[in-house]
Amino acid sequence: MLKAASGPCYSLESDSNNPPSEMKMVQTMKWLAAGALCAAAVGAQAEVTQVRVWAAACANCHGTMGKAETGMESLAGKDKDELLQKMLDFKSGKKPATIMHQLTKGYSDEQLQQLATYFAALKK
């Protein structure tokens, strides 16, 4: 049974109208909620790790952490929308390239968005 505690909180106390099994159910629900939050956190970390794996493929030409050597475009710290538009233009064939048009076709538009966000967040 829910009973008013001090302030706007409520407590679940066992009495004849509220058997211990109900309390166990509430406790189980709390554990399930905690588990769901942990799973979401792990999923978010996995997503960040996946973007870093995709970005590693860019390092061959655009340098580690998006900082390219002379002659190649650095991606670190660039405008996110500009990076995304360039990658989408490569993917569609609108922007000519030697290899980028092939590489970008291997990614969904959402993945390219994530890559653009990743590189834009890096320091120049």
PDB file of N, CA and C in Angstrom:
ATOM      1  N   MET A   1       0.841  -1.174   0.000  1.00  0.00           N
ATOM      2  CA  MET A   1       0.000   0.000   0.000  1.00  0.00           C
ATOM      3  C   MET A   1       0.885   1.236   0.000  1.00  0.00           C
ATOM      4  N   LEU A   2       0.521   2.225  -0.791  1.00  0.00           N
ATOM      5  CA  LEU A   2       1.266   3.478  -0.809  1.00  0.00           C
ATOM      6  C   LEU A   2       0.795   4.346   0.340  1.00  0.00           C
ATOM      7  N   LYS A   3       1.737   4.808   1.112  1.00  0.00           N
ATOM      8  CA  LYS A   3       1.414   5.685   2.225  1.00  0.00           C
ATOM      9  C   LYS A   3       2.217   6.960   2.071  1.00  0.00           C
ATOM     10  N   ALA A   4       1.571   8.076   2.372  1.00  0.00           N
ATOM     11  CA  ALA A   4       2.260   9.360   2.278  1.00  0.00           C
ATOM     12  C   ALA A   4       3.379   9.407   3.299  1.00  0.00           C
ATOM     13  N   ALA A   5       4.540   9.803   2.841  1.00  0.00           N
ATOM     14  CA  ALA A   5       5.683  10.015   3.722  1.00  0.00           C
ATOM     15  C   ALA A   5       5.845  11.520   3.868  1.00  0.00           C
ATOM     16  N   SER A   6       6.916  11.942   4.480  1.00  0.00           N
ATOM     17  CA  SER A   6       7.119  13.388   4.599  1.00  0.00           C
ATOM     18  C   SER A   6       7.354  13.968   3.214  1.00  0.00           C
ATOM     19  N   GLY A   7       6.694  15.057   2.916  1.00  0.00           N
ATOM     20  CA  GLY A   7       6.832  15.681   1.598  1.00  0.00           C
ATOM     21  C   GLY A   7       5.984  14.960   0.566  1.00  0.00           C
ATOM     22  N   PRO A   8       6.303  15.149  -0.712  1.00  0.00           N
ATOM     23  CA  PRO A   8       5.487  14.578  -1.786  1.00  0.00           C
ATOM     24  C   PRO A   8       5.819  13.120  -2.079  1.00  0.00           C
ATOM     25  N   CYS A   9       6.683  12.494  -1.301  1.00  0.00           N
ATOM     26  CA  CYS A   9       7.091  11.116  -1.553  1.00  0.00           C
ATOM     27  C   CYS A   9       6.096  10.137  -0.952  1.00  0.00           C
ATOM     28  N   TYR A  10       6.150   8.926  -1.436  1.00  0.00           N
ATOM     29  CA  TYR A  10       5.299   7.857  -0.931  1.00  0.00           C
ATOM     30  C   TYR A  10       6.183   6.670  -0.610  1.00  0.00           C
ATOM     31  N   SER A  11       5.780   5.875   0.332  1.00  0.00           N
ATOM     32  CA  SER A  11       6.536   4.674   0.666  1.00  0.00           C
ATOM     33  C   SER A  11       5.618   3.473   0.523  1.00  0.00           C
ATOM     34  N   LEU A  12       6.214   2.362   0.224  1.00  0.00           N
ATOM     35  CA  LEU A  12       5.472   1.119   0.074  1.00  0.00           C
ATOM     36  C   LEU A  12       5.728   0.292   1.320  1.00  0.00           C
ATOM     37  N   GLU A  13       4.728   0.125   2.120  1.00  0.00           N
ATOM     38  CA  GLU A  13       4.887  -0.615   3.363  1.00  0.00           C
ATOM     39  C   GLU A  13       4.038  -1.873   3.303  1.00  0.00           C
ATOM     40  N   SER A  14       4.549  -2.898   3.929  1.00  0.00           N
ATOM     41  CA  SER A  14       3.817  -4.153   3.974  1.00  0.00           C
ATOM     42  C   SER A  14       2.810  -4.120   5.122  1.00  0.00           C
ATOM     43  N   ASP A  15       1.580  -4.453   4.811  1.00  0.00           N
ATOM     44  CA  ASP A  15       0.560  -4.652   5.826  1.00  0.00           C
ATOM     45  C   ASP A  15      -0.393  -5.707   5.298  1.00  0.00           C
ATOM     46  N   SER A  16      -1.493  -5.904   5.944  1.00  0.00           N
ATOM     47  CA  SER A  16      -2.403  -6.959   5.523  1.00  0.00           C
ATOM     48  C   SER A  16      -2.994  -6.702   4.141  1.00  0.00           C
ATOM     49  N   ASN A  17      -3.071  -5.442   3.718  1.00  0.00           N
ATOM     50  CA  ASN A  17      -3.618  -5.107   2.403  1.00  0.00           C
ATOM     51  C   ASN A  17      -2.537  -5.079   1.314  1.00  0.00           C
ATOM     52  N   ASN A  18      -1.295  -5.156   1.706  1.00  0.00           N
ATOM     53  CA  ASN A  18      -0.184  -5.039   0.767  1.00  0.00           C
ATOM     54  C   ASN A  18       0.808  -6.161   1.054  1.00  0.00           C
ATOM     55  N   PRO A  19       0.606  -7.329   0.461  1.00  0.00           N
ATOM     56  CA  PRO A  19       1.456  -8.482   0.774  1.00  0.00           C
ATOM     57  C   PRO A  19       2.894  -8.269   0.297  1.00  0.00           C
ATOM     58  N   PRO A  20       3.846  -9.007   0.892  1.00  0.00           N
ATOM     59  CA  PRO A  20       5.252  -8.891   0.509  1.00  0.00           C
ATOM     60  C   PRO A  20       5.499  -9.167  -0.976  1.00  0.00           C
ATOM     61  N   SER A  21       4.647  -9.975  -1.621  1.00  0.00           N
ATOM     62  CA  SER A  21       4.841 -10.266  -3.043  1.00  0.00           C
ATOM     63  C   SER A  21       4.716  -8.997  -3.891  1.00  0.00           C
ATOM     64  N   GLU A  22       3.851  -8.084  -3.476  1.00  0.00           N
ATOM     65  CA  GLU A  22       3.716  -6.815  -4.186  1.00  0.00           C
ATOM     66  C   GLU A  22       4.992  -5.993  -4.037  1.00  0.00           C
ATOM     67  N   MET A  23       5.579  -6.035  -2.852  1.00  0.00           N
ATOM     68  CA  MET A  23       6.836  -5.326  -2.628  1.00  0.00           C
ATOM     69  C   MET A  23       7.941  -5.922  -3.491  1.00  0.00           C
ATOM     70  N   LYS A  24       7.946  -7.251  -3.625  1.00  0.00           N
ATOM     71  CA  LYS A  24       8.937  -7.909  -4.475  1.00  0.00           C
ATOM     72  C   LYS A  24       8.763  -7.482  -5.925  1.00  0.00           C
ATOM     73  N   MET A  25       7.516  -7.345  -6.351  1.00  0.00           N
ATOM     74  CA  MET A  25       7.250  -6.910  -7.721  1.00  0.00           C
ATOM     75  C   MET A  25       7.807  -5.500  -7.950  1.00  0.00           C
ATOM     76  N   VAL A  26       7.592  -4.624  -6.993  1.00  0.00           N
ATOM     77  CA  VAL A  26       8.106  -3.255  -7.114  1.00  0.00           C
ATOM     78  C   VAL A  26       9.622  -3.281  -7.169  1.00  0.00           C
ATOM     79  N   GLN A  27      10.238  -4.094  -6.307  1.00  0.00           N
ATOM     80  CA  GLN A  27      11.692  -4.193  -6.291  1.00  0.00           C
ATOM     81  C   GLN A  27      12.195  -4.752  -7.625  1.00  0.00           C
ATOM     82  N   THR A  28      11.511  -5.750  -8.148  1.00  0.00           N
ATOM     83  CA  THR A  28      11.894  -6.325  -9.444  1.00  0.00           C
ATOM     84  C   THR A  28      11.792  -5.278 -10.547  1.00  0.00           C
ATOM     85  N   MET A  29      10.748  -4.478 -10.522  1.00  0.00           N
ATOM     86  CA  MET A  29      10.575  -3.432 -11.529  1.00  0.00           C
ATOM     87  C   MET A  29      11.701  -2.403 -11.445  1.00  0.00           C
ATOM     88  N   LYS A  30      12.134  -2.093 -10.234  1.00  0.00           N
ATOM     89  CA  LYS A  30      13.256  -1.164 -10.060  1.00  0.00           C
ATOM     90  C   LYS A  30      14.521  -1.742 -10.682  1.00  0.00           C
ATOM     91  N   TRP A  31      14.764  -3.046 -10.452  1.00  0.00           N
ATOM     92  CA  TRP A  31      15.943  -3.679 -11.032  1.00  0.00           C
ATOM     93  C   TRP A  31      15.858  -3.724 -12.558  1.00  0.00           C
ATOM     94  N   LEU A  32      14.679  -3.987 -13.080  1.00  0.00           N
ATOM     95  CA  LEU A  32      14.509  -3.992 -14.538  1.00  0.00           C
ATOM     96  C   LEU A  32      14.768  -2.604 -15.125  1.00  0.00           C
ATOM     97  N   ALA A  33      14.282  -1.582 -14.451  1.00  0.00           N
ATOM     98  CA  ALA A  33      14.516  -0.215 -14.923  1.00  0.00           C
ATOM     99  C   ALA A  33      16.003   0.113 -14.889  1.00  0.00           C
ATOM    100  N   ALA A  34      16.678  -0.286 -13.811  1.00  0.00           N
ATOM    101  CA  ALA A  34      18.119  -0.045 -13.712  1.00  0.00           C
ATOM    102  C   ALA A  34      18.858  -0.794 -14.820  1.00  0.00           C
ATOM    103  N   GLY A  35      18.433  -2.020 -15.086  1.00  0.00           N
ATOM    104  CA  GLY A  35      19.053  -2.792 -16.160  1.00  0.00           C
ATOM    105  C   GLY A  35      18.857  -2.154 -17.523  1.00  0.00           C
ATOM    106  N   ALA A  36      17.669  -1.615 -17.752  1.00  0.00           N
ATOM    107  CA  ALA A  36      17.391  -0.950 -19.024  1.00  0.00           C
ATOM    108  C   ALA A  36      18.273   0.286 -19.197  1.00  0.00           C
ATOM    109  N   LEU A  37      18.463   1.038 -18.126  1.00  0.00           N
ATOM    110  CA  LEU A  37      19.343   2.211 -18.191  1.00  0.00           C
ATOM    111  C   LEU A  37      20.782   1.815 -18.485  1.00  0.00           C
ATOM    112  N   CYS A  38      21.238   0.743 -17.851  1.00  0.00           N
ATOM    113  CA  CYS A  38      22.605   0.265 -18.103  1.00  0.00           C
ATOM    114  C   CYS A  38      22.756  -0.189 -19.558  1.00  0.00           C
ATOM    115  N   ALA A  39      21.764  -0.885 -20.059  1.00  0.00           N
ATOM    116  CA  ALA A  39      21.816  -1.349 -21.446  1.00  0.00           C
ATOM    117  C   ALA A  39      21.854  -0.168 -22.411  1.00  0.00           C
ATOM    118  N   ALA A  40      21.091   0.875 -22.115  1.00  0.00           N
ATOM    119  CA  ALA A  40      21.100   2.066 -22.968  1.00  0.00           C
ATOM    120  C   ALA A  40      22.467   2.736 -22.949  1.00  0.00           C
ATOM    121  N   ALA A  41      23.092   2.788 -21.780  1.00  0.00           N
ATOM    122  CA  ALA A  41      24.416   3.396 -21.675  1.00  0.00           C
ATOM    123  C   ALA A  41      25.443   2.594 -22.463  1.00  0.00           C
ATOM    124  N   VAL A  42      25.369   1.279 -22.374  1.00  0.00           N
ATOM    125  CA  VAL A  42      26.286   0.426 -23.124  1.00  0.00           C
ATOM    126  C   VAL A  42      26.048   0.612 -24.627  1.00  0.00           C
ATOM    127  N   GLY A  43      24.784   0.696 -25.018  1.00  0.00           N
ATOM    128  CA  GLY A  43      24.458   0.905 -26.432  1.00  0.00           C
ATOM    129  C   GLY A  43      24.995   2.225 -26.947  1.00  0.00           C
ATOM    130  N   ALA A  44      24.903   3.268 -26.148  1.00  0.00           N
ATOM    131  CA  ALA A  44      25.427   4.579 -26.543  1.00  0.00           C
ATOM    132  C   ALA A  44      26.937   4.520 -26.696  1.00  0.00           C
ATOM    133  N   GLN A  45      27.619   3.825 -25.790  1.00  0.00           N
ATOM    134  CA  GLN A  45      29.074   3.684 -25.884  1.00  0.00           C
ATOM    135  C   GLN A  45      29.445   2.888 -27.124  1.00  0.00           C
ATOM    136  N   ALA A  46      28.683   1.853 -27.431  1.00  0.00           N
ATOM    137  CA  ALA A  46      28.951   1.059 -28.624  1.00  0.00           C
ATOM    138  C   ALA A  46      28.802   1.905 -29.874  1.00  0.00           C
ATOM    139  N   GLU A  47      27.830   2.811 -29.878  1.00  0.00           N
ATOM    140  CA  GLU A  47      27.630   3.687 -31.030  1.00  0.00           C
ATOM    141  C   GLU A  47      28.822   4.618 -31.221  1.00  0.00           C
ATOM    142  N   VAL A  48      29.324   5.186 -30.129  1.00  0.00           N
ATOM    143  CA  VAL A  48      30.507   6.056 -30.204  1.00  0.00           C
ATOM    144  C   VAL A  48      31.690   5.264 -30.713  1.00  0.00           C
ATOM    145  N   THR A  49      31.866   4.054 -30.201  1.00  0.00           N
ATOM    146  CA  THR A  49      32.972   3.212 -30.647  1.00  0.00           C
ATOM    147  C   THR A  49      32.838   2.900 -32.128  1.00  0.00           C
ATOM    148  N   GLN A  50      31.626   2.638 -32.600  1.00  0.00           N
ATOM    149  CA  GLN A  50      31.421   2.321 -34.013  1.00  0.00           C
ATOM    150  C   GLN A  50      31.797   3.500 -34.902  1.00  0.00           C
ATOM    151  N   VAL A  51      31.435   4.697 -34.509  1.00  0.00           N
ATOM    152  CA  VAL A  51      31.778   5.889 -35.297  1.00  0.00           C
ATOM    153  C   VAL A  51      33.294   6.035 -35.367  1.00  0.00           C
ATOM    154  N   ARG A  52      33.977   5.750 -34.275  1.00  0.00           N
ATOM    155  CA  ARG A  52      35.441   5.840 -34.278  1.00  0.00           C
ATOM    156  C   ARG A  52      36.053   4.796 -35.213  1.00  0.00           C
ATOM    157  N   VAL A  53      35.437   3.633 -35.303  1.00  0.00           N
ATOM    158  CA  VAL A  53      35.914   2.605 -36.236  1.00  0.00           C
ATOM    159  C   VAL A  53      35.748   3.096 -37.673  1.00  0.00           C
ATOM    160  N   TRP A  54      34.575   3.683 -37.973  1.00  0.00           N
ATOM    161  CA  TRP A  54      34.376   4.221 -39.324  1.00  0.00           C
ATOM    162  C   TRP A  54      35.386   5.320 -39.609  1.00  0.00           C
ATOM    163  N   ALA A  55      35.624   6.194 -38.642  1.00  0.00           N
ATOM    164  CA  ALA A  55      36.547   7.317 -38.826  1.00  0.00           C
ATOM    165  C   ALA A  55      37.979   6.840 -39.036  1.00  0.00           C
ATOM    166  N   ALA A  56      38.327   5.704 -38.473  1.00  0.00           N
ATOM    167  CA  ALA A  56      39.681   5.172 -38.650  1.00  0.00           C
ATOM    168  C   ALA A  56      39.977   4.889 -40.119  1.00  0.00           C
ATOM    169  N   ALA A  57      38.957   4.534 -40.878  1.00  0.00           N
ATOM    170  CA  ALA A  57      39.148   4.287 -42.307  1.00  0.00           C
ATOM    171  C   ALA A  57      39.528   5.570 -43.045  1.00  0.00           C
ATOM    172  N   CYS A  58      39.158   6.706 -42.502  1.00  0.00           N
ATOM    173  CA  CYS A  58      39.463   8.002 -43.120  1.00  0.00           C
ATOM    174  C   CYS A  58      40.908   8.428 -42.863  1.00  0.00           C
ATOM    175  N   ALA A  59      41.538   7.816 -41.854  1.00  0.00           N
ATOM    176  CA  ALA A  59      42.885   8.219 -41.441  1.00  0.00           C
ATOM    177  C   ALA A  59      43.927   7.997 -42.525  1.00  0.00           C
ATOM    178  N   ASN A  60      43.706   7.048 -43.416  1.00  0.00           N
ATOM    179  CA  ASN A  60      44.683   6.789 -44.474  1.00  0.00           C
ATOM    180  C   ASN A  60      44.983   8.033 -45.293  1.00  0.00           C
ATOM    181  N   CYS A  61      43.952   8.803 -45.578  1.00  0.00           N
ATOM    182  CA  CYS A  61      44.139  10.011 -46.391  1.00  0.00           C
ATOM    183  C   CYS A  61      44.031  11.295 -45.561  1.00  0.00           C
ATOM    184  N   HIS A  62      43.140  11.303 -44.598  1.00  0.00           N
ATOM    185  CA  HIS A  62      42.838  12.539 -43.869  1.00  0.00           C
ATOM    186  C   HIS A  62      43.526  12.630 -42.508  1.00  0.00           C
ATOM    187  N   GLY A  63      44.394  11.682 -42.205  1.00  0.00           N
ATOM    188  CA  GLY A  63      45.205  11.734 -41.001  1.00  0.00           C
ATOM    189  C   GLY A  63      44.513  11.230 -39.758  1.00  0.00           C
ATOM    190  N   THR A  64      45.353  10.870 -38.802  1.00  0.00           N
ATOM    191  CA  THR A  64      44.856  10.424 -37.515  1.00  0.00           C
ATOM    192  C   THR A  64      44.122  11.568 -36.831  1.00  0.00           C
ATOM    193  N   MET A  65      42.977  11.269 -36.284  1.00  0.00           N
ATOM    194  CA  MET A  65      42.134  12.267 -35.615  1.00  0.00           C
ATOM    195  C   MET A  65      41.747  13.406 -36.552  1.00  0.00           C
ATOM    196  N   GLY A  66      41.704  13.119 -37.861  1.00  0.00           N
ATOM    197  CA  GLY A  66      41.251  14.109 -38.831  1.00  0.00           C
ATOM    198  C   GLY A  66      42.251  15.191 -39.166  1.00  0.00           C
ATOM    199  N   LYS A  67      43.505  15.035 -38.733  1.00  0.00           N
ATOM    200  CA  LYS A  67      44.546  16.042 -38.998  1.00  0.00           C
ATOM    201  C   LYS A  67      45.450  15.513 -40.112  1.00  0.00           C
ATOM    202  N   ALA A  68      45.219  16.001 -41.319  1.00  0.00           N
ATOM    203  CA  ALA A  68      45.904  15.494 -42.507  1.00  0.00           C
ATOM    204  C   ALA A  68      47.284  16.117 -42.693  1.00  0.00           C
ATOM    205  N   GLU A  69      48.098  15.395 -43.429  1.00  0.00           N
ATOM    206  CA  GLU A  69      49.397  15.918 -43.860  1.00  0.00           C
ATOM    207  C   GLU A  69      49.158  16.899 -45.002  1.00  0.00           C
ATOM    208  N   THR A  70      50.175  17.652 -45.342  1.00  0.00           N
ATOM    209  CA  THR A  70      50.086  18.625 -46.424  1.00  0.00           C
ATOM    210  C   THR A  70      49.608  17.945 -47.707  1.00  0.00           C
ATOM    211  N   GLY A  71      48.689  18.589 -48.385  1.00  0.00           N
ATOM    212  CA  GLY A  71      48.173  18.071 -49.643  1.00  0.00           C
ATOM    213  C   GLY A  71      46.820  17.392 -49.527  1.00  0.00           C
ATOM    214  N   MET A  72      46.405  17.096 -48.324  1.00  0.00           N
ATOM    215  CA  MET A  72      45.093  16.487 -48.103  1.00  0.00           C
ATOM    216  C   MET A  72      44.284  17.387 -47.183  1.00  0.00           C
ATOM    217  N   GLU A  73      42.982  17.302 -47.280  1.00  0.00           N
ATOM    218  CA  GLU A  73      42.106  18.123 -46.447  1.00  0.00           C
ATOM    219  C   GLU A  73      41.975  17.528 -45.045  1.00  0.00           C
ATOM    220  N   SER A  74      42.225  18.356 -44.049  1.00  0.00           N
ATOM    221  CA  SER A  74      41.981  17.948 -42.662  1.00  0.00           C
ATOM    222  C   SER A  74      40.483  18.017 -42.391  1.00  0.00           C
ATOM    223  N   LEU A  75      40.000  17.090 -41.614  1.00  0.00           N
ATOM    224  CA  LEU A  75      38.569  17.038 -41.300  1.00  0.00           C
ATOM    225  C   LEU A  75      38.272  17.533 -39.887  1.00  0.00           C
ATOM    226  N   ALA A  76      39.275  17.506 -39.024  1.00  0.00           N
ATOM    227  CA  ALA A  76      39.082  17.879 -37.613  1.00  0.00           C
ATOM    228  C   ALA A  76      38.638  19.337 -37.494  1.00  0.00           C
ATOM    229  N   GLY A  77      37.566  19.543 -36.746  1.00  0.00           N
ATOM    230  CA  GLY A  77      37.092  20.894 -36.457  1.00  0.00           C
ATOM    231  C   GLY A  77      36.364  21.591 -37.590  1.00  0.00           C
ATOM    232  N   LYS A  78      36.123  20.891 -38.672  1.00  0.00           N
ATOM    233  CA  LYS A  78      35.388  21.495 -39.795  1.00  0.00           C
ATOM    234  C   LYS A  78      33.906  21.615 -39.428  1.00  0.00           C
ATOM    235  N   ASP A  79      33.204  22.457 -40.146  1.00  0.00           N
ATOM    236  CA  ASP A  79      31.769  22.624 -39.934  1.00  0.00           C
ATOM    237  C   ASP A  79      31.052  21.319 -40.264  1.00  0.00           C
ATOM    238  N   LYS A  80      30.234  20.850 -39.330  1.00  0.00           N
ATOM    239  CA  LYS A  80      29.529  19.575 -39.466  1.00  0.00           C
ATOM    240  C   LYS A  80      28.665  19.534 -40.726  1.00  0.00           C
ATOM    241  N   ASP A  81      27.899  20.595 -40.958  1.00  0.00           N
ATOM    242  CA  ASP A  81      26.994  20.616 -42.114  1.00  0.00           C
ATOM    243  C   ASP A  81      27.766  20.639 -43.429  1.00  0.00           C
ATOM    244  N   GLU A  82      28.883  21.337 -43.437  1.00  0.00           N
ATOM    245  CA  GLU A  82      29.729  21.391 -44.641  1.00  0.00           C
ATOM    246  C   GLU A  82      30.331  20.017 -44.934  1.00  0.00           C
ATOM    247  N   LEU A  83      30.831  19.360 -43.901  1.00  0.00           N
ATOM    248  CA  LEU A  83      31.387  18.010 -44.084  1.00  0.00           C
ATOM    249  C   LEU A  83      30.327  17.047 -44.600  1.00  0.00           C
ATOM    250  N   LEU A  84      29.160  17.090 -43.985  1.00  0.00           N
ATOM    251  CA  LEU A  84      28.086  16.195 -44.411  1.00  0.00           C
ATOM    252  C   LEU A  84      27.712  16.450 -45.864  1.00  0.00           C
ATOM    253  N   GLN A  85      27.580  17.714 -46.231  1.00  0.00           N
ATOM    254  CA  GLN A  85      27.199  18.037 -47.608  1.00  0.00           C
ATOM    255  C   GLN A  85      28.245  17.546 -48.604  1.00  0.00           C
ATOM    256  N   LYS A  86      29.514  17.704 -48.274  1.00  0.00           N
ATOM    257  CA  LYS A  86      30.575  17.209 -49.165  1.00  0.00           C
ATOM    258  C   LYS A  86      30.480  15.693 -49.330  1.00  0.00           C
ATOM    259  N   MET A  87      30.272  14.988 -48.214  1.00  0.00           N
ATOM    260  CA  MET A  87      30.193  13.527 -48.303  1.00  0.00           C
ATOM    261  C   MET A  87      28.958  13.087 -49.095  1.00  0.00           C
ATOM    262  N   LEU A  88      27.849  13.764 -48.899  1.00  0.00           N
ATOM    263  CA  LEU A  88      26.646  13.435 -49.669  1.00  0.00           C
ATOM    264  C   LEU A  88      26.838  13.741 -51.148  1.00  0.00           C
ATOM    265  N   ASP A  89      27.552  14.825 -51.443  1.00  0.00           N
ATOM    266  CA  ASP A  89      27.840  15.162 -52.844  1.00  0.00           C
ATOM    267  C   ASP A  89      28.756  14.124 -53.485  1.00  0.00           C
ATOM    268  N   PHE A  90      29.730  13.625 -52.725  1.00  0.00           N
ATOM    269  CA  PHE A  90      30.576  12.542 -53.242  1.00  0.00           C
ATOM    270  C   PHE A  90      29.718  11.306 -53.509  1.00  0.00           C
ATOM    271  N   LYS A  91      28.857  10.987 -52.564  1.00  0.00           N
ATOM    272  CA  LYS A  91      28.020   9.786 -52.666  1.00  0.00           C
ATOM    273  C   LYS A  91      27.101   9.838 -53.880  1.00  0.00           C
ATOM    274  N   SER A  92      26.531  11.001 -54.152  1.00  0.00           N
ATOM    275  CA  SER A  92      25.603  11.138 -55.279  1.00  0.00           C
ATOM    276  C   SER A  92      26.313  11.302 -56.617  1.00  0.00           C
ATOM    277  N   GLY A  93      27.616  11.578 -56.578  1.00  0.00           N
ATOM    278  CA  GLY A  93      28.362  11.811 -57.809  1.00  0.00           C
ATOM    279  C   GLY A  93      28.374  13.272 -58.220  1.00  0.00           C
ATOM    280  N   LYS A  94      27.728  14.123 -57.447  1.00  0.00           N
ATOM    281  CA  LYS A  94      27.678  15.556 -57.740  1.00  0.00           C
ATOM    282  C   LYS A  94      29.057  16.195 -57.653  1.00  0.00           C
ATOM    283  N   LYS A  95      29.881  15.709 -56.732  1.00  0.00           N
ATOM    284  CA  LYS A  95      31.239  16.224 -56.551  1.00  0.00           C
ATOM    285  C   LYS A  95      32.199  15.156 -57.080  1.00  0.00           C
ATOM    286  N   PRO A  96      33.024  15.502 -58.060  1.00  0.00           N
ATOM    287  CA  PRO A  96      33.938  14.508 -58.625  1.00  0.00           C
ATOM    288  C   PRO A  96      35.039  14.121 -57.629  1.00  0.00           C
ATOM    289  N   ALA A  97      35.484  12.874 -57.738  1.00  0.00           N
ATOM    290  CA  ALA A  97      36.525  12.378 -56.837  1.00  0.00           C
ATOM    291  C   ALA A  97      37.203  11.163 -57.452  1.00  0.00           C
ATOM    292  N   THR A  98      38.358  10.834 -56.919  1.00  0.00           N
ATOM    293  CA  THR A  98      39.043   9.629 -57.385  1.00  0.00           C
ATOM    294  C   THR A  98      38.598   8.403 -56.590  1.00  0.00           C
ATOM    295  N   ILE A  99      38.364   8.588 -55.294  1.00  0.00           N
ATOM    296  CA  ILE A  99      37.973   7.441 -54.477  1.00  0.00           C
ATOM    297  C   ILE A  99      36.804   7.735 -53.525  1.00  0.00           C
ATOM    298  N   MET A 100      36.618   8.986 -53.151  1.00  0.00           N
ATOM    299  CA  MET A 100      35.580   9.316 -52.166  1.00  0.00           C
ATOM    300  C   MET A 100      34.181   8.916 -52.618  1.00  0.00           C
ATOM    301  N   HIS A 101      33.902   8.989 -53.904  1.00  0.00           N
ATOM    302  CA  HIS A 101      32.567   8.602 -54.365  1.00  0.00           C
ATOM    303  C   HIS A 101      32.318   7.111 -54.115  1.00  0.00           C
ATOM    304  N   GLN A 102      33.372   6.309 -54.177  1.00  0.00           N
ATOM    305  CA  GLN A 102      33.217   4.875 -53.899  1.00  0.00           C
ATOM    306  C   GLN A 102      33.091   4.616 -52.399  1.00  0.00           C
ATOM    307  N   LEU A 103      33.906   5.304 -51.600  1.00  0.00           N
ATOM    308  CA  LEU A 103      33.889   5.090 -50.159  1.00  0.00           C
ATOM    309  C   LEU A 103      32.559   5.523 -49.528  1.00  0.00           C
ATOM    310  N   THR A 104      32.060   6.667 -49.935  1.00  0.00           N
ATOM    311  CA  THR A 104      30.839   7.185 -49.312  1.00  0.00           C
ATOM    312  C   THR A 104      29.609   6.334 -49.636  1.00  0.00           C
ATOM    313  N   LYS A 105      29.638   5.633 -50.749  1.00  0.00           N
ATOM    314  CA  LYS A 105      28.506   4.760 -51.086  1.00  0.00           C
ATOM    315  C   LYS A 105      28.391   3.579 -50.129  1.00  0.00           C
ATOM    316  N   GLY A 106      29.437   3.315 -49.367  1.00  0.00           N
ATOM    317  CA  GLY A 106      29.417   2.240 -48.389  1.00  0.00           C
ATOM    318  C   GLY A 106      28.769   2.625 -47.072  1.00  0.00           C
ATOM    319  N   TYR A 107      28.331   3.872 -46.952  1.00  0.00           N
ATOM    320  CA  TYR A 107      27.734   4.368 -45.711  1.00  0.00           C
ATOM    321  C   TYR A 107      26.329   4.882 -45.983  1.00  0.00           C
ATOM    322  N   SER A 108      25.456   4.713 -45.001  1.00  0.00           N
ATOM    323  CA  SER A 108      24.126   5.312 -45.103  1.00  0.00           C
ATOM    324  C   SER A 108      24.253   6.809 -44.849  1.00  0.00           C
ATOM    325  N   ASP A 109      23.226   7.560 -45.194  1.00  0.00           N
ATOM    326  CA  ASP A 109      23.246   9.003 -44.932  1.00  0.00           C
ATOM    327  C   ASP A 109      23.360   9.278 -43.432  1.00  0.00           C
ATOM    328  N   GLU A 110      22.728   8.450 -42.613  1.00  0.00           N
ATOM    329  CA  GLU A 110      22.812   8.611 -41.157  1.00  0.00           C
ATOM    330  C   GLU A 110      24.242   8.367 -40.663  1.00  0.00           C
ATOM    331  N   GLN A 111      24.899   7.375 -41.221  1.00  0.00           N
ATOM    332  CA  GLN A 111      26.287   7.104 -40.842  1.00  0.00           C
ATOM    333  C   GLN A 111      27.199   8.260 -41.250  1.00  0.00           C
ATOM    334  N   LEU A 112      26.958   8.825 -42.419  1.00  0.00           N
ATOM    335  CA  LEU A 112      27.746   9.986 -42.851  1.00  0.00           C
ATOM    336  C   LEU A 112      27.498  11.164 -41.913  1.00  0.00           C
ATOM    337  N   GLN A 113      26.263  11.321 -41.456  1.00  0.00           N
ATOM    338  CA  GLN A 113      25.924  12.370 -40.476  1.00  0.00           C
ATOM    339  C   GLN A 113      26.727  12.164 -39.195  1.00  0.00           C
ATOM    340  N   GLN A 114      26.800  10.929 -38.742  1.00  0.00           N
ATOM    341  CA  GLN A 114      27.549  10.619 -37.521  1.00  0.00           C
ATOM    342  C   GLN A 114      29.037  10.890 -37.706  1.00  0.00           C
ATOM    343  N   LEU A 115      29.569  10.562 -38.867  1.00  0.00           N
ATOM    344  CA  LEU A 115      30.978  10.849 -39.152  1.00  0.00           C
ATOM    345  C   LEU A 115      31.240  12.351 -39.181  1.00  0.00           C
ATOM    346  N   ALA A 116      30.358  13.099 -39.809  1.00  0.00           N
ATOM    347  CA  ALA A 116      30.517  14.553 -39.868  1.00  0.00           C
ATOM    348  C   ALA A 116      30.486  15.146 -38.457  1.00  0.00           C
ATOM    349  N   THR A 117      29.587  14.661 -37.629  1.00  0.00           N
ATOM    350  CA  THR A 117      29.494  15.128 -36.244  1.00  0.00           C
ATOM    351  C   THR A 117      30.773  14.791 -35.480  1.00  0.00           C
ATOM    352  N   TYR A 118      31.290  13.597 -35.692  1.00  0.00           N
ATOM    353  CA  TYR A 118      32.513  13.153 -35.020  1.00  0.00           C
ATOM    354  C   TYR A 118      33.696  14.057 -35.379  1.00  0.00           C
ATOM    355  N   PHE A 119      33.918  14.251 -36.677  1.00  0.00           N
ATOM    356  CA  PHE A 119      35.060  15.058 -37.102  1.00  0.00           C
ATOM    357  C   PHE A 119      34.912  16.523 -36.712  1.00  0.00           C
ATOM    358  N   ALA A 120      33.706  17.038 -36.769  1.00  0.00           N
ATOM    359  CA  ALA A 120      33.471  18.435 -36.392  1.00  0.00           C
ATOM    360  C   ALA A 120      33.796  18.667 -34.916  1.00  0.00           C
ATOM    361  N   ALA A 121      33.615  17.647 -34.098  1.00  0.00           N
ATOM    362  CA  ALA A 121      33.860  17.802 -32.659  1.00  0.00           C
ATOM    363  C   ALA A 121      35.353  17.712 -32.290  1.00  0.00           C
ATOM    364  N   LEU A 122      36.177  17.253 -33.209  1.00  0.00           N
ATOM    365  CA  LEU A 122      37.612  17.139 -32.939  1.00  0.00           C
ATOM    366  C   LEU A 122      38.288  18.502 -33.017  1.00  0.00           C
ATOM    367  N   LYS A 123      39.352  18.668 -32.245  1.00  0.00           N
ATOM    368  CA  LYS A 123      40.118  19.925 -32.275  1.00  0.00           C
ATOM    369  C   LYS A 123      40.944  19.993 -33.547  1.00  0.00           C
ATOM    370  N   LYS A 124      41.058  21.213 -34.092  1.00  0.00           N
ATOM    371  CA  LYS A 124      41.871  21.402 -35.303  1.00  0.00           C
ATOM    372  C   LYS A 124      43.324  21.188 -35.014  1.00  0.00           C
TER     373      LYS A 124
END
